[in-house]
Amino acid sequence: MGNVINLNRFRKRAEREASAKQADANRSKFGRTKAERSVEETRADKAKAHLDRHQIDREEQP
């Protein structure tokens, strides 16, 4: 007689492995380092400040 296999354990292990593989792919596709996020935030702040400096203020005439 062969070995008895718990199918629930086998199924759960296969799901965990598939989930880990998907998570690894997502990390490489979407993940950014802290330094990259910091640089992007700094660039966005500079761009906003640049636009704010060049905005024309118009006063309403009565």
C-alpha atoms as a PDB file:
ATOM      1  CA  MET A   1       0.000   0.000   0.000  1.00  0.00           C
ATOM      2  CA  GLY A   2       1.207   3.533  -0.772  1.00  0.00           C
ATOM      3  CA  ASN A   3       1.609   6.470   1.527  1.00  0.00           C
ATOM      4  CA  VAL A   4      -1.471   8.316   2.681  1.00  0.00           C
ATOM      5  CA  ILE A   5      -1.464  11.979   1.613  1.00  0.00           C
ATOM      6  CA  ASN A   6      -3.448  14.699   3.308  1.00  0.00           C
ATOM      7  CA  LEU A   7      -4.936  16.515   0.319  1.00  0.00           C
ATOM      8  CA  ASN A   8      -5.784  19.632   2.341  1.00  0.00           C
ATOM      9  CA  ARG A   9      -2.119  20.104   3.272  1.00  0.00           C
ATOM     10  CA  PHE A  10      -1.064  19.546  -0.323  1.00  0.00           C
ATOM     11  CA  ARG A  11      -3.656  22.048  -1.617  1.00  0.00           C
ATOM     12  CA  LYS A  12      -2.772  24.686   0.965  1.00  0.00           C
ATOM     13  CA  ARG A  13       0.953  24.303   0.319  1.00  0.00           C
ATOM     14  CA  ALA A  14       0.400  24.696  -3.424  1.00  0.00           C
ATOM     15  CA  GLU A  15      -1.698  27.846  -2.824  1.00  0.00           C
ATOM     16  CA  ARG A  16       0.977  29.332  -0.545  1.00  0.00           C
ATOM     17  CA  GLU A  17       3.676  28.688  -3.142  1.00  0.00           C
ATOM     18  CA  ALA A  18       1.568  30.250  -5.894  1.00  0.00           C
ATOM     19  CA  SER A  19       0.796  33.235  -3.667  1.00  0.00           C
ATOM     20  CA  ALA A  20       4.482  33.709  -2.827  1.00  0.00           C
ATOM     21  CA  LYS A  21       5.379  33.568  -6.509  1.00  0.00           C
ATOM     22  CA  GLN A  22       2.741  36.204  -7.335  1.00  0.00           C
ATOM     23  CA  ALA A  23       3.891  38.422  -4.452  1.00  0.00           C
ATOM     24  CA  ASP A  24       7.487  38.255  -5.680  1.00  0.00           C
ATOM     25  CA  ALA A  25       6.394  39.252  -9.183  1.00  0.00           C
ATOM     26  CA  ASN A  26       4.362  42.170  -7.791  1.00  0.00           C
ATOM     27  CA  ARG A  27       7.277  43.370  -5.662  1.00  0.00           C
ATOM     28  CA  SER A  28       9.547  43.515  -8.666  1.00  0.00           C
ATOM     29  CA  LYS A  29       6.885  45.136 -10.844  1.00  0.00           C
ATOM     30  CA  PHE A  30       5.412  47.729  -8.457  1.00  0.00           C
ATOM     31  CA  GLY A  31       7.843  48.012  -5.575  1.00  0.00           C
ATOM     32  CA  ARG A  32      10.050  51.021  -5.097  1.00  0.00           C
ATOM     33  CA  THR A  33      12.762  51.600  -2.568  1.00  0.00           C
ATOM     34  CA  LYS A  34      12.437  54.234   0.127  1.00  0.00           C
ATOM     35  CA  ALA A  35      15.033  56.361  -1.654  1.00  0.00           C
ATOM     36  CA  GLU A  36      13.064  56.249  -4.916  1.00  0.00           C
ATOM     37  CA  ARG A  37       9.857  57.293  -3.133  1.00  0.00           C
ATOM     38  CA  SER A  38      11.735  60.111  -1.402  1.00  0.00           C
ATOM     39  CA  VAL A  39      13.186  61.410  -4.667  1.00  0.00           C
ATOM     40  CA  GLU A  40       9.784  61.303  -6.351  1.00  0.00           C
ATOM     41  CA  GLU A  41       8.186  63.201  -3.461  1.00  0.00           C
ATOM     42  CA  THR A  42      10.932  65.857  -3.598  1.00  0.00           C
ATOM     43  CA  ARG A  43      10.462  66.291  -7.347  1.00  0.00           C
ATOM     44  CA  ALA A  44       6.703  66.668  -6.931  1.00  0.00           C
ATOM     45  CA  ASP A  45       7.195  69.297  -4.203  1.00  0.00           C
ATOM     46  CA  LYS A  46       9.621  71.251  -6.392  1.00  0.00           C
ATOM     47  CA  ALA A  47       7.259  71.145  -9.367  1.00  0.00           C
ATOM     48  CA  LYS A  48       4.344  72.362  -7.218  1.00  0.00           C
ATOM     49  CA  ALA A  49       6.450  75.189  -5.786  1.00  0.00           C
ATOM     50  CA  HIS A  50       7.588  76.172  -9.283  1.00  0.00           C
ATOM     51  CA  LEU A  51       4.005  76.390 -10.521  1.00  0.00           C
ATOM     52  CA  ASP A  52       2.920  78.340  -7.446  1.00  0.00           C
ATOM     53  CA  ARG A  53       5.676  80.913  -7.997  1.00  0.00           C
ATOM     54  CA  HIS A  54       4.587  81.495 -11.584  1.00  0.00           C
ATOM     55  CA  GLN A  55       0.883  81.839 -10.901  1.00  0.00           C
ATOM     56  CA  ILE A  56      -0.613  85.184 -11.822  1.00  0.00           C
ATOM     57  CA  ASP A  57      -2.592  86.748  -9.003  1.00  0.00           C
ATOM     58  CA  ARG A  58      -5.483  88.813 -10.299  1.00  0.00           C
ATOM     59  CA  GLU A  59      -7.504  91.078  -8.095  1.00  0.00           C
ATOM     60  CA  GLU A  60     -11.193  91.408  -8.719  1.00  0.00           C
ATOM     61  CA  GLN A  61     -12.247  94.831 -10.018  1.00  0.00           C
ATOM     62  CA  PRO A  62     -15.453  96.346  -8.516  1.00  0.00           C
END
